Protein backbone atom coordinates (compact mmCIF):
# COMPACT_ATOMS: atom_id res chain seq x y z
CA UNK A 1 -15.67 -2.71 -22.17
CA UNK A 2 -12.61 -4.50 -20.78
CA UNK A 3 -10.31 -2.47 -23.05
CA UNK A 4 -11.92 0.78 -21.86
CA UNK A 5 -11.60 -0.17 -18.19
CA UNK A 6 -7.99 -1.22 -18.69
CA UNK A 7 -7.26 2.07 -20.44
CA UNK A 8 -8.82 4.03 -17.58
CA UNK A 9 -6.75 2.09 -15.04
CA UNK A 10 -3.69 2.64 -17.24
CA UNK A 11 -4.25 6.40 -17.27
CA UNK A 12 -4.85 6.51 -13.51
CA UNK A 13 -1.65 4.54 -12.83
CA UNK A 14 0.73 5.89 -15.43
CA UNK A 15 -0.76 9.22 -16.49
CA UNK A 16 0.67 12.59 -15.42
CA UNK A 17 0.10 13.40 -11.76
CA UNK A 18 -0.89 16.89 -10.56
CA UNK A 19 1.90 18.65 -8.74
CA UNK A 20 1.38 19.53 -5.10
CA UNK A 21 1.14 23.26 -4.72
CA UNK A 22 3.95 24.85 -2.75
CA UNK A 23 2.80 25.83 0.71
CA UNK A 24 3.74 29.41 1.48
CA UNK A 25 3.86 30.15 5.19
CA UNK A 26 5.21 33.28 6.84
CA UNK A 27 8.70 32.79 8.30
CA UNK A 28 8.58 31.29 11.76
CA UNK A 29 11.77 30.86 13.69
CA UNK A 30 10.73 28.89 16.73
CA UNK A 31 9.61 25.41 17.56
CA UNK A 32 5.97 26.42 18.14
CA UNK A 33 5.31 26.09 14.41
CA UNK A 34 5.66 22.32 14.71
CA UNK A 35 3.66 21.83 17.90
CA UNK A 36 -0.04 20.87 18.04
CA UNK A 37 -2.49 23.74 17.61
CA UNK A 38 -5.68 22.01 18.72
CA UNK A 39 -8.06 23.84 21.00
CA UNK A 40 -7.38 21.49 23.91
CA UNK A 41 -3.62 22.05 23.67
CA UNK A 42 -3.70 25.85 23.47
CA UNK A 43 -3.35 28.03 26.52
CA UNK A 44 -2.23 31.61 26.88
CA UNK A 45 0.62 30.64 29.15
CA UNK A 46 1.86 27.98 26.75
CA UNK A 47 1.88 30.48 23.90
CA UNK A 48 3.89 32.93 26.00
CA UNK A 49 6.38 30.31 27.17
CA UNK A 50 9.91 30.88 25.85
CA UNK A 51 11.19 28.34 23.35
CA UNK A 52 14.52 27.60 21.78
CA UNK A 53 14.92 29.46 18.46
CA UNK A 54 15.49 27.26 15.44
CA UNK A 55 15.74 28.20 11.79
CA UNK A 56 15.29 24.68 10.37
CA UNK A 57 14.44 21.24 11.68
CA UNK A 58 17.50 19.74 13.29
CA UNK A 59 17.09 16.30 11.61
CA UNK A 60 17.38 17.94 8.20
CA UNK A 61 20.69 19.51 9.14
CA UNK A 62 24.00 17.80 9.68
CA UNK A 63 23.83 16.07 13.06
CA UNK A 64 27.05 15.24 14.83
CA UNK A 65 27.65 11.57 15.49
CA UNK A 66 27.99 12.37 19.18
CA UNK A 67 24.29 13.28 19.27
CA UNK A 68 23.11 10.02 17.68
CA UNK A 69 22.15 6.71 19.26
CA UNK A 70 22.13 3.78 16.83
CA UNK A 71 19.80 0.84 17.39
CA UNK A 72 19.68 -2.47 15.54
CA UNK A 73 17.24 -5.34 15.97
CA UNK A 74 16.67 -8.39 13.80
CA UNK A 75 14.31 -6.47 11.47
CA UNK A 76 15.17 -2.75 11.70
CA UNK A 77 18.16 -0.44 12.08
CA UNK A 78 17.65 3.19 13.05
CA UNK A 79 19.07 6.32 14.62
CA UNK A 80 17.68 8.25 17.57
CA UNK A 81 18.73 11.88 17.75
CA UNK A 82 19.37 13.06 21.31
CA UNK A 83 17.78 16.34 20.26
CA UNK A 84 14.20 15.54 21.18
CA UNK A 85 14.57 11.77 20.87
CA UNK A 86 13.62 12.03 17.19
CA UNK A 87 13.65 8.74 15.26
CA UNK A 88 15.41 9.10 11.91
CA UNK A 89 17.06 6.98 9.20
CA UNK A 90 15.10 3.81 9.88
CA UNK A 91 16.02 0.91 7.58
CA UNK A 92 13.87 -2.20 7.02
CA UNK A 93 16.52 -4.91 6.97
CA UNK A 94 14.33 -7.62 5.41
CA UNK A 95 13.08 -5.40 2.55
CA UNK A 96 15.80 -4.47 0.04
CA UNK A 97 15.25 -1.74 -2.53
CA UNK A 98 16.23 -4.16 -5.28
CA UNK A 99 16.15 -7.92 -5.02
CA UNK A 100 19.28 -10.00 -5.39
CA UNK A 101 18.29 -11.44 -8.78
CA UNK A 102 20.89 -14.21 -8.93
CA UNK A 103 18.65 -16.51 -11.00
CA UNK A 104 17.68 -13.77 -13.48
CA UNK A 105 21.30 -12.64 -13.77
CA UNK A 106 22.39 -16.18 -14.63
CA UNK A 107 19.73 -16.42 -17.32
CA UNK A 108 20.69 -13.00 -18.70
CA UNK A 109 24.35 -14.03 -18.72
CA UNK A 110 23.54 -17.21 -20.64
CA UNK A 111 21.67 -15.09 -23.19
CA UNK A 112 24.59 -12.68 -23.53
CA UNK A 113 22.71 -9.82 -21.85
CA UNK A 114 24.08 -7.42 -19.27
CA UNK A 115 23.64 -8.29 -15.59
CA UNK A 116 23.28 -6.19 -12.46
CA UNK A 117 25.89 -6.63 -9.73
CA UNK A 118 24.25 -4.29 -7.20
CA UNK A 119 24.29 -5.38 -3.59
CA UNK A 120 20.90 -5.34 -1.82
CA UNK A 121 20.28 -2.08 0.05
CA UNK A 122 17.45 -2.02 2.62
CA UNK A 123 14.43 0.25 2.22
CA UNK A 124 14.90 3.46 4.22
CA UNK A 125 11.51 4.38 5.68
CA UNK A 126 12.48 7.32 7.91
CA UNK A 127 15.03 9.60 6.31
CA UNK A 128 16.93 12.69 7.50
CA UNK A 129 17.83 13.78 3.96
CA UNK A 130 16.25 17.22 3.40
CA UNK A 131 14.83 16.18 0.02
CA UNK A 132 13.32 13.00 1.48
CA UNK A 133 12.71 14.21 5.02
CA UNK A 134 10.58 11.80 7.04
CA UNK A 135 11.01 11.57 10.83
CA UNK A 136 9.07 10.60 13.95
CA UNK A 137 8.99 13.24 16.68
CA UNK A 138 7.63 13.31 20.22
CA UNK A 139 7.64 15.60 23.22
CA UNK A 140 5.70 17.28 26.00
CA UNK A 141 3.67 20.48 26.19
CA UNK A 142 3.50 22.11 29.60
CA UNK A 143 0.19 23.57 30.71
CA UNK A 144 1.79 26.34 32.71
CA UNK A 145 4.50 28.91 32.06
CA UNK A 146 5.87 28.35 35.56
CA UNK A 147 7.43 25.02 34.56
CA UNK A 148 9.14 23.79 31.44
CA UNK A 149 8.65 20.68 29.32
CA UNK A 150 11.06 19.11 26.80
CA UNK A 151 9.84 19.06 23.21
CA UNK A 152 11.37 17.56 20.07
CA UNK A 153 14.09 20.23 19.99
CA UNK A 154 15.28 19.74 23.57
CA UNK A 155 18.66 18.09 24.12
CA UNK A 156 18.56 14.82 26.07
CA UNK A 157 21.46 12.84 27.48
CA UNK A 158 22.21 9.25 26.50
CA UNK A 159 23.73 6.35 28.38
CA UNK A 160 25.55 4.79 25.41
CA UNK A 161 26.07 5.35 21.70
CA UNK A 162 24.66 2.13 20.27
CA UNK A 163 22.37 -0.77 21.12
CA UNK A 164 21.99 -4.15 19.41
CA UNK A 165 19.33 -6.76 20.12
CA UNK A 166 21.31 -9.88 20.98
CA UNK A 167 20.21 -13.39 19.93
CA UNK A 168 19.25 -14.28 23.50
CA UNK A 169 17.22 -11.08 24.00
CA UNK A 170 13.50 -10.70 23.26
CA UNK A 171 13.39 -6.95 23.87
CA UNK A 172 15.69 -3.95 24.07
CA UNK A 173 15.16 -0.62 25.87
CA UNK A 174 16.96 2.62 24.99
CA UNK A 175 16.78 5.42 27.63
CA UNK A 176 17.23 9.18 27.16
CA UNK A 177 17.12 11.65 30.04
CA UNK A 178 16.49 15.37 30.57
CA UNK A 179 16.56 17.40 33.80
CA UNK A 180 15.80 21.06 34.36
CA UNK A 181 17.25 23.30 37.07
CA UNK A 182 14.14 23.03 39.25
CA UNK A 183 14.18 19.25 39.65
CA UNK A 184 11.83 18.10 36.85
CA UNK A 185 13.17 14.87 35.35
CA UNK A 186 11.89 13.43 32.06
CA UNK A 187 13.02 9.99 30.93
CA UNK A 188 12.23 8.75 27.44
CA UNK A 189 12.27 4.98 27.05
CA UNK A 190 12.18 3.39 23.57
CA UNK A 191 11.44 -0.34 23.70
CA UNK A 192 12.08 -2.65 20.73
CA UNK A 193 10.94 -6.28 20.43
CA UNK A 194 12.24 -9.18 18.40
CA UNK A 195 10.61 -9.71 14.98
CA UNK A 196 8.52 -6.57 15.54
CA UNK A 197 8.15 -3.27 13.73
CA UNK A 198 6.56 -1.73 16.82
CA UNK A 199 8.43 0.74 19.00
CA UNK A 200 6.96 1.53 22.42
CA UNK A 201 7.61 5.03 23.75
CA UNK A 202 7.29 5.83 27.46
CA UNK A 203 7.84 9.34 28.81
CA UNK A 204 8.23 9.33 32.59
CA UNK A 205 7.91 12.64 34.41
CA UNK A 206 9.40 12.75 37.91
CA UNK A 207 8.32 15.94 39.67
CA UNK A 208 10.83 17.10 42.26
CA UNK A 209 10.07 20.79 41.75
CA UNK A 210 7.96 21.32 44.86
CA UNK A 211 4.88 22.34 42.87
CA UNK A 212 2.40 20.61 40.59
CA UNK A 213 3.28 20.03 36.94
CA UNK A 214 0.63 19.58 34.25
CA UNK A 215 1.14 18.77 30.61
CA UNK A 216 0.40 16.64 27.58
CA UNK A 217 2.34 14.28 25.38
CA UNK A 218 2.40 14.71 21.61
CA UNK A 219 3.73 12.34 18.96
CA UNK A 220 3.89 13.28 15.30
CA UNK A 221 5.29 12.39 11.90
CA UNK A 222 6.98 15.12 9.86
CA UNK A 223 7.47 14.53 6.17
CA UNK A 224 8.00 16.17 2.80
CA UNK A 225 5.98 14.74 -0.14
CA UNK A 226 7.66 12.01 -2.13
CA UNK A 227 8.19 13.51 -5.57
CA UNK A 228 9.67 10.33 -6.99
CA UNK A 229 6.73 9.05 -9.03
CA UNK A 230 5.46 5.55 -8.42
CA UNK A 231 3.89 3.38 -11.04
CA UNK A 232 6.63 3.68 -13.66
CA UNK A 233 5.48 1.85 -16.78
CA UNK A 234 8.88 0.26 -17.22
CA UNK A 235 8.81 -1.35 -13.79
CA UNK A 236 5.23 -2.56 -13.91
CA UNK A 237 4.55 -0.53 -10.77
CA UNK A 238 1.12 0.58 -9.64
CA UNK A 239 -0.01 3.95 -8.44
CA UNK A 240 -0.57 3.91 -4.69
CA UNK A 241 -1.80 6.53 -2.25
CA UNK A 242 1.03 8.45 -0.63
CA UNK A 243 0.11 10.76 2.25
CA UNK A 244 -1.54 11.05 5.63
CA UNK A 245 -4.21 8.87 7.23
CA UNK A 246 -6.10 8.93 10.51
CA UNK A 247 -8.43 6.40 12.11
CA UNK A 248 -11.13 7.45 14.57
CA UNK A 249 -14.07 5.65 16.13
CA UNK A 250 -16.57 7.96 14.43
CA UNK A 251 -15.25 8.30 10.90
CA UNK A 252 -13.04 5.20 10.80
CA UNK A 253 -10.37 5.27 8.07
CA UNK A 254 -9.76 8.70 6.51
CA UNK A 255 -7.14 9.83 4.02
CA UNK A 256 -5.68 13.27 4.73
CA UNK A 257 -3.66 14.18 1.65
CA UNK A 258 -0.90 16.78 1.58
CA UNK A 259 -3.29 19.05 -0.33
CA UNK A 260 -5.83 18.66 2.49
CA UNK A 261 -3.16 19.55 5.05
CA UNK A 262 -2.15 22.61 3.04
CA UNK A 263 -5.76 23.76 2.83
CA UNK A 264 -6.74 23.39 6.48
CA UNK A 265 -5.40 22.12 9.80
CA UNK A 266 -7.10 18.99 11.08
CA UNK A 267 -8.35 19.07 14.70
CA UNK A 268 -10.49 16.10 15.78
CA UNK A 269 -10.75 14.00 18.90
CA UNK A 270 -11.51 10.32 19.37
CA UNK A 271 -11.14 7.58 21.90
CA UNK A 272 -8.29 5.42 20.64
CA UNK A 273 -7.45 5.83 16.98
CA UNK A 274 -4.12 6.51 15.28
CA UNK A 275 -2.38 8.86 12.85
CA UNK A 276 -0.14 7.67 10.02
CA UNK A 277 1.82 8.46 6.89
CA UNK A 278 1.49 5.68 4.33
CA UNK A 279 3.11 4.86 1.03
CA UNK A 280 3.37 1.97 -1.39
CA UNK A 281 3.85 -1.23 0.65
CA UNK A 282 4.90 0.55 3.88
CA UNK A 283 3.33 2.57 6.69
CA UNK A 284 4.34 4.58 9.75
CA UNK A 285 1.78 5.24 12.46
CA UNK A 286 1.74 6.74 15.94
CA UNK A 287 -0.75 4.76 18.02
CA UNK A 288 -1.75 6.40 21.32
CA UNK A 289 -3.46 4.36 24.09
CA UNK A 290 -6.85 3.03 22.97
CA UNK A 291 -8.51 3.70 26.33
CA UNK A 292 -7.99 7.48 26.36
CA UNK A 293 -9.38 10.46 24.47
CA UNK A 294 -6.82 11.47 21.86
CA UNK A 295 -6.62 14.65 19.79
CA UNK A 296 -5.48 14.36 16.17
CA UNK A 297 -4.04 17.23 14.18
CA UNK A 298 -2.21 18.14 10.99
CA UNK A 299 -0.09 21.17 10.09
CA UNK A 300 1.42 22.47 6.87
CA UNK A 301 4.80 24.03 7.61
CA UNK A 302 7.11 26.06 5.43
CA UNK A 303 9.34 24.39 2.81
CA UNK A 304 6.63 21.84 1.98
CA UNK A 305 6.91 20.04 5.30
CA UNK A 306 3.77 18.43 6.64
CA UNK A 307 2.95 17.16 10.13
CA UNK A 308 0.34 14.66 11.28
CA UNK A 309 0.04 13.42 14.84
CA UNK A 310 -1.87 13.35 18.09
CA UNK A 311 -1.63 14.68 21.64
CA UNK A 312 -2.92 13.23 24.89
CA UNK A 313 -5.31 14.46 27.58
CA UNK A 314 -3.86 16.64 30.33
CA UNK A 315 -2.07 14.85 33.17
CA UNK A 316 -0.84 16.33 36.46
CA UNK A 317 2.12 15.28 38.58
CA UNK A 318 1.86 16.54 42.15
CA UNK A 319 5.14 17.34 43.98
CA UNK A 320 7.33 14.30 44.70
CA UNK A 321 5.37 12.03 42.37
CA UNK A 322 5.78 10.40 38.98
CA UNK A 323 3.47 10.11 35.97
CA UNK A 324 4.02 8.62 32.57
CA UNK A 325 2.74 8.92 29.02
CA UNK A 326 2.85 6.06 26.52
CA UNK A 327 2.47 5.67 22.79
CA UNK A 328 3.44 3.15 20.15
CA UNK A 329 5.10 3.73 16.79
CA UNK A 330 4.59 1.25 13.96
CA UNK A 331 7.12 1.59 11.15
CA UNK A 332 7.24 -1.27 8.70
CA UNK A 333 5.61 -3.27 5.90
CA UNK A 334 1.84 -3.33 5.45
CA UNK A 335 1.40 -7.01 6.30
CA UNK A 336 -2.29 -7.26 7.12
CA UNK A 337 -2.33 -10.05 9.75
CA UNK A 338 0.46 -8.26 11.62
CA UNK A 339 -1.26 -4.88 11.42
CA UNK A 340 -4.57 -6.30 12.62
CA UNK A 341 -2.82 -7.36 15.83
CA UNK A 342 -1.10 -3.98 16.21
CA UNK A 343 -4.09 -1.62 16.20
CA UNK A 344 -7.74 -1.59 15.24
CA UNK A 345 -8.19 -0.58 11.61
CA UNK A 346 -4.46 -0.38 10.84
CA UNK A 347 -4.80 -3.07 8.17
CA UNK A 348 -7.00 -0.64 6.20
CA UNK A 349 -3.82 1.13 5.11
CA UNK A 350 -3.64 -1.66 2.53
CA UNK A 351 -5.98 0.01 0.07
CA UNK A 352 -7.68 -2.07 -2.64
CA UNK A 353 -9.79 0.84 -3.89
CA UNK A 354 -13.52 0.69 -4.58
CA UNK A 355 -13.35 -3.09 -5.05
CA UNK A 356 -12.05 -3.73 -1.53
CA UNK A 357 -15.06 -5.96 -0.81
CA UNK A 358 -13.74 -8.33 -3.49
CA UNK A 359 -10.03 -7.68 -2.88
CA UNK A 360 -10.14 -8.63 0.81
CA UNK A 361 -11.60 -12.15 0.22
CA UNK A 362 -9.11 -12.68 -2.63
CA UNK A 363 -6.23 -11.74 -0.31
CA UNK A 364 -7.62 -14.01 2.42
CA UNK A 365 -7.81 -16.94 0.00
CA UNK A 366 -4.32 -16.21 -1.38
CA UNK A 367 -2.96 -16.15 2.17
CA UNK A 368 -4.59 -19.49 3.03
CA UNK A 369 -3.26 -21.21 -0.09
CA UNK A 370 0.18 -19.68 0.48
CA UNK A 371 0.24 -21.18 3.98
CA UNK A 372 -0.05 -24.59 2.29
CA UNK A 373 2.22 -24.10 -0.74
CA UNK A 374 4.77 -21.59 0.59
CA UNK A 375 4.81 -19.91 -2.83
CA UNK A 376 2.73 -16.88 -3.84
CA UNK A 377 2.81 -17.89 -7.51
CA UNK A 378 1.13 -21.21 -6.75
CA UNK A 379 -1.29 -19.32 -4.50
CA UNK A 380 -2.32 -17.29 -7.58
CA UNK A 381 -2.76 -20.52 -9.55
CA UNK A 382 -4.90 -21.92 -6.72
CA UNK A 383 -7.08 -18.80 -6.55
CA UNK A 384 -7.56 -18.87 -10.33
CA UNK A 385 -8.68 -22.50 -10.15
CA UNK A 386 -11.05 -21.69 -7.27
CA UNK A 387 -12.60 -18.76 -9.17
CA UNK A 388 -12.96 -20.94 -12.26
CA UNK A 389 -14.75 -23.64 -10.26
CA UNK A 390 -16.96 -21.01 -8.63
CA UNK A 391 -17.99 -19.66 -12.04
CA UNK A 392 -18.29 -23.10 -13.65
CA UNK A 393 -22.12 -23.11 -13.96
CA UNK A 394 -22.05 -19.72 -15.65
CA UNK A 395 -19.13 -20.71 -17.88
CA UNK A 396 -20.80 -23.98 -18.83
CA UNK A 397 -23.96 -22.19 -19.94
CA UNK A 398 -21.84 -19.67 -21.84
CA UNK A 399 -19.79 -22.30 -23.67
CA UNK A 400 -22.94 -24.22 -24.57
CA UNK A 401 -24.36 -21.03 -26.06
CA UNK A 402 -21.16 -20.44 -28.04
CA UNK A 403 -21.13 -24.03 -29.28
CA UNK A 404 -24.67 -23.57 -30.58
CA UNK A 405 -23.65 -20.25 -32.15
CA UNK A 406 -20.83 -22.04 -33.94
CA UNK A 407 -23.28 -24.66 -35.19
CA UNK A 408 -25.66 -22.12 -36.75
CA UNK A 409 -22.88 -19.95 -38.16
CA UNK A 410 -23.25 -21.25 -41.76
CA UNK A 411 -26.98 -20.53 -41.70
CA UNK A 412 -26.36 -16.99 -40.46
CA UNK A 413 -23.90 -16.33 -43.27
CA UNK A 414 -26.42 -17.66 -45.80
CA UNK A 415 -29.10 -15.35 -44.35
CA UNK A 416 -26.69 -12.42 -44.47
CA UNK A 417 -26.08 -12.96 -48.18
CA UNK A 418 -29.79 -13.47 -48.89
CA UNK A 419 -30.87 -10.29 -47.09
CA UNK A 420 -27.81 -8.18 -47.95
CA UNK A 421 -30.03 -5.32 -49.12
CA UNK A 422 -32.56 -5.56 -46.32
CA UNK A 423 -30.84 -5.11 -42.96
CA UNK A 424 -34.09 -4.95 -40.97
CA UNK A 425 -35.30 -8.25 -42.46
CA UNK A 426 -31.94 -9.88 -41.73
CA UNK A 427 -32.10 -8.81 -38.06
CA UNK A 428 -35.64 -10.13 -37.75
CA UNK A 429 -34.75 -13.50 -39.28
CA UNK A 430 -31.58 -13.74 -37.21
CA UNK A 431 -33.46 -13.17 -33.94
CA UNK A 432 -36.05 -15.73 -34.97
CA UNK A 433 -33.25 -18.25 -35.59
CA UNK A 434 -31.70 -17.51 -32.19
CA UNK A 435 -35.09 -18.09 -30.57
CA UNK A 436 -35.71 -21.30 -32.46
CA UNK A 437 -32.29 -22.76 -31.64
CA UNK A 438 -32.38 -21.37 -28.08
CA UNK A 439 -29.17 -19.43 -28.57
CA UNK A 440 -28.18 -16.40 -26.47
CA UNK A 441 -25.79 -14.25 -28.57
CA UNK A 442 -24.57 -12.46 -25.45
CA UNK A 443 -24.08 -15.64 -23.44
CA UNK A 444 -20.37 -15.79 -24.25
CA UNK A 445 -19.81 -12.35 -22.71
CA UNK A 446 -21.15 -13.17 -19.26
CA UNK A 447 -18.08 -14.99 -17.84
CA UNK A 448 -15.82 -12.18 -19.09
CA UNK A 449 -18.05 -9.49 -17.59
CA UNK A 450 -18.12 -11.30 -14.25
CA UNK A 451 -14.34 -11.65 -14.30
CA UNK A 452 -13.71 -7.94 -14.90
CA UNK A 453 -14.17 -6.92 -11.22
CA UNK A 454 -12.20 -10.00 -10.12
CA UNK A 455 -9.41 -9.06 -12.53
CA UNK A 456 -9.35 -5.43 -11.38
CA UNK A 457 -9.41 -6.50 -7.71
CA UNK A 458 -6.51 -8.88 -8.25
CA UNK A 459 -4.71 -6.03 -10.04
CA UNK A 460 -4.88 -3.98 -6.83
CA UNK A 461 -4.18 -6.94 -4.53
CA UNK A 462 -0.97 -7.75 -6.41
CA UNK A 463 0.01 -4.09 -6.52
CA UNK A 464 -0.77 -3.20 -2.90
CA UNK A 465 0.07 -6.39 -0.99
CA UNK A 466 3.64 -6.22 0.28
CA UNK A 467 3.91 -10.02 0.45
CA UNK A 468 4.02 -10.06 -3.36
CA UNK A 469 6.87 -7.55 -3.44
CA UNK A 470 9.94 -9.44 -4.69
CA UNK A 471 8.09 -12.77 -4.17
CA UNK A 472 9.54 -15.46 -6.48
CA UNK A 473 7.54 -18.03 -8.43
CA UNK A 474 9.61 -20.43 -10.55
CA UNK A 475 12.49 -20.22 -13.03
CA UNK A 476 12.87 -16.67 -14.38
CA UNK A 477 9.89 -15.23 -12.47
CA UNK A 478 11.64 -14.00 -9.32
CA UNK A 479 9.34 -11.07 -8.53
CA UNK A 480 5.58 -11.38 -9.02
CA UNK A 481 4.99 -7.65 -8.38
CA UNK A 482 6.87 -6.41 -11.46
CA UNK A 483 6.78 -7.21 -15.15
CA UNK A 484 8.17 -10.44 -16.59
CA UNK A 485 11.84 -9.59 -17.32
CA UNK A 486 11.79 -11.65 -20.54
CA UNK A 487 8.11 -11.02 -21.51
CA UNK A 488 7.49 -14.77 -21.72
CA UNK A 489 4.24 -14.80 -19.73
CA UNK A 490 2.61 -11.95 -21.76
CA UNK A 491 3.45 -13.77 -25.01
CA UNK A 492 2.00 -17.02 -23.64
CA UNK A 493 -1.07 -15.06 -22.56
CA UNK A 494 -1.46 -13.69 -26.12
CA UNK A 495 -1.16 -17.21 -27.57
CA UNK A 496 -3.75 -18.65 -25.17
CA UNK A 497 -6.08 -15.75 -25.94
CA UNK A 498 -5.73 -16.45 -29.67
CA UNK A 499 -6.45 -20.17 -29.12
CA UNK A 500 -9.48 -19.33 -27.00
CA UNK A 501 -10.68 -16.91 -29.65
CA UNK A 502 -10.45 -19.62 -32.32
CA UNK A 503 -12.83 -21.78 -30.27
CA UNK A 504 -15.50 -19.06 -30.36
CA UNK A 505 -17.75 -18.36 -33.33
CA UNK A 506 -16.43 -15.50 -35.45
CA UNK A 507 -18.63 -12.38 -35.70
CA UNK A 508 -20.69 -12.14 -38.87
CA UNK A 509 -19.76 -8.52 -39.43
CA UNK A 510 -16.34 -8.46 -41.21
CA UNK A 511 -15.19 -5.24 -39.52
CA UNK A 512 -16.07 -6.62 -36.10
CA UNK A 513 -14.24 -9.84 -36.98
CA UNK A 514 -11.08 -7.89 -37.84
CA UNK A 515 -11.28 -5.95 -34.59
CA UNK A 516 -11.65 -9.17 -32.62
CA UNK A 517 -8.56 -10.61 -34.32
CA UNK A 518 -6.56 -7.64 -33.05
CA UNK A 519 -7.52 -8.27 -29.42
CA UNK A 520 -4.76 -10.83 -28.64
CA UNK A 521 -2.13 -8.41 -29.98
CA UNK A 522 -3.56 -5.42 -28.12
CA UNK A 523 -3.83 -7.32 -24.84
CA UNK A 524 -0.33 -8.76 -25.21
CA UNK A 525 1.04 -5.20 -25.50
CA UNK A 526 -0.96 -4.14 -22.43
CA UNK A 527 0.26 -7.10 -20.42
CA UNK A 528 3.93 -6.59 -21.27
CA UNK A 529 4.10 -4.01 -18.48
CA UNK A 530 1.69 -5.58 -15.99
CA UNK A 531 2.93 -7.39 -12.85
CA UNK A 532 3.96 -10.96 -13.60
CA UNK A 533 1.52 -12.24 -10.96
CA UNK A 534 -1.41 -10.65 -12.78
CA UNK A 535 -0.31 -12.06 -16.14
CA UNK A 536 0.09 -15.46 -14.46
CA UNK A 537 -3.54 -15.30 -13.34
CA UNK A 538 -4.71 -14.53 -16.89
CA UNK A 539 -2.55 -17.27 -18.45
CA UNK A 540 -3.89 -19.90 -16.03
CA UNK A 541 -7.45 -18.60 -16.48
CA UNK A 542 -7.18 -18.77 -20.29
CA UNK A 543 -5.67 -22.26 -20.16
CA UNK A 544 -8.45 -23.56 -17.92
CA UNK A 545 -11.02 -21.86 -20.17
CA UNK A 546 -9.57 -23.57 -23.26
CA UNK A 547 -9.70 -26.98 -21.57
CA UNK A 548 -13.21 -26.37 -20.28
CA UNK A 549 -14.54 -25.00 -23.58
CA UNK A 550 -12.98 -27.83 -25.63
CA UNK A 551 -14.52 -30.42 -23.33
CA UNK A 552 -18.01 -28.86 -23.42
CA UNK A 553 -17.91 -28.35 -27.20
CA UNK A 554 -16.97 -32.01 -27.77
CA UNK A 555 -19.80 -33.13 -25.49
CA UNK A 556 -22.33 -31.05 -27.40
CA UNK A 557 -21.00 -32.30 -30.76
CA UNK A 558 -21.21 -35.90 -29.55
CA UNK A 559 -24.76 -35.35 -28.33
CA UNK A 560 -25.81 -33.85 -31.68
CA UNK A 561 -24.28 -36.76 -33.64
CA UNK A 562 -26.22 -39.23 -31.51
């Protein structure tokens, strides 16, 4: 059963993925194609309002340096395009694409193997490259054709070219400004905080036009699907959901895949909530105010571009007054405690699959042990020990049953030879012997069956939890989320499995016995490509099982001799 479940997980993670169908939309040459189309946002006047013609999204084109504002904090570095205040090319400074494997390189050098001299390059979450396009847009939609409103294609003015969060600063604000000929002034303020992946957006509307202005704010994420497959067998990666997500009070956490967006436009409303694009380890989410009714939407644009976002309720600025819209953008790693503080339900972007109810407690326990040890590898060892202690009564009963099975093994073989020509008689006598000796032939399977969901949950926890990404353990294990670079742990796992197998009674059936002997080899091959953290769990579990089983077997033997 375990082999079958592992094979199914293997196929799901490493098997061929269906290609996303190309979205064919009629040519549209104005910005309206990228604006919200929800019922609440549509008006005849808005549809008739003139817009600036564009043939392609500006962020995908070459943008002059004069139109870019660079921002750097202690955790992120990004660019803000003055065309619309679009956030692009956001780098996560504390999360390199490849770890600086100094320890592994030294070991490889000692062994005469080639070493990598690559310098760490940070993960780029938002990207203006056309093939990897992923940007955060925002703007306003006017409710009347008598006034204008700047959208994500409107040119703003900047005060300076670059901003850097200084050591003595706790926050940093970047302003952009737009003014029309009638006296409407819109100021966009992006606020960054120290040690935070949250960006606060404020859009202030100062109405000096002499007549009322009404409009809405929208904030959206535009992205092309990531065609670079995850879960490469050679890297020990896991398949993770890559696409859109929304959270509403009614339906809670919902995945909106690119296929779903291509099939139909989303249009739902909810108090609070958020809209996001998520990927392996990282997430980007626009989070509107929780105390207002927000309208969430998706759109499939031409050239396989997809939009997910939200727009606000209508607000009105009377003459000589000021109103403001706010929203927050989260762009960073899926660290659950941090996301829980950011927005309700945002931590659900860390997806442990159908076994989330087991995965969440495992993560909680790992996090608690890590707070004591400071090492995620030792946290795995601690969790393994805890699970073993939790299952001790079941394991003890199982090992007692196996010890009794081992004791009656010679008698079973003798019965098999005696009733070689009468299979029915042999089965009857065998069951009678089991009953007499109070042996449960399936007792040895129970601990393994109980551990299957724990094992599969840990598989997803290690694969989805960003804290394990590039987390070192000891010696050559410098990244628990990928395979052992020297395959030492899988080989140790195979050896411990063979030792554990030798402690169990061999099956009477010779074919079954041969199949069982192949298990350590088969599992070792499987585990060669599994994350080192998962193999570590199995090695520690097997080692504890060997100690436990040896102890119980000796106790039973001593009791029988007395």
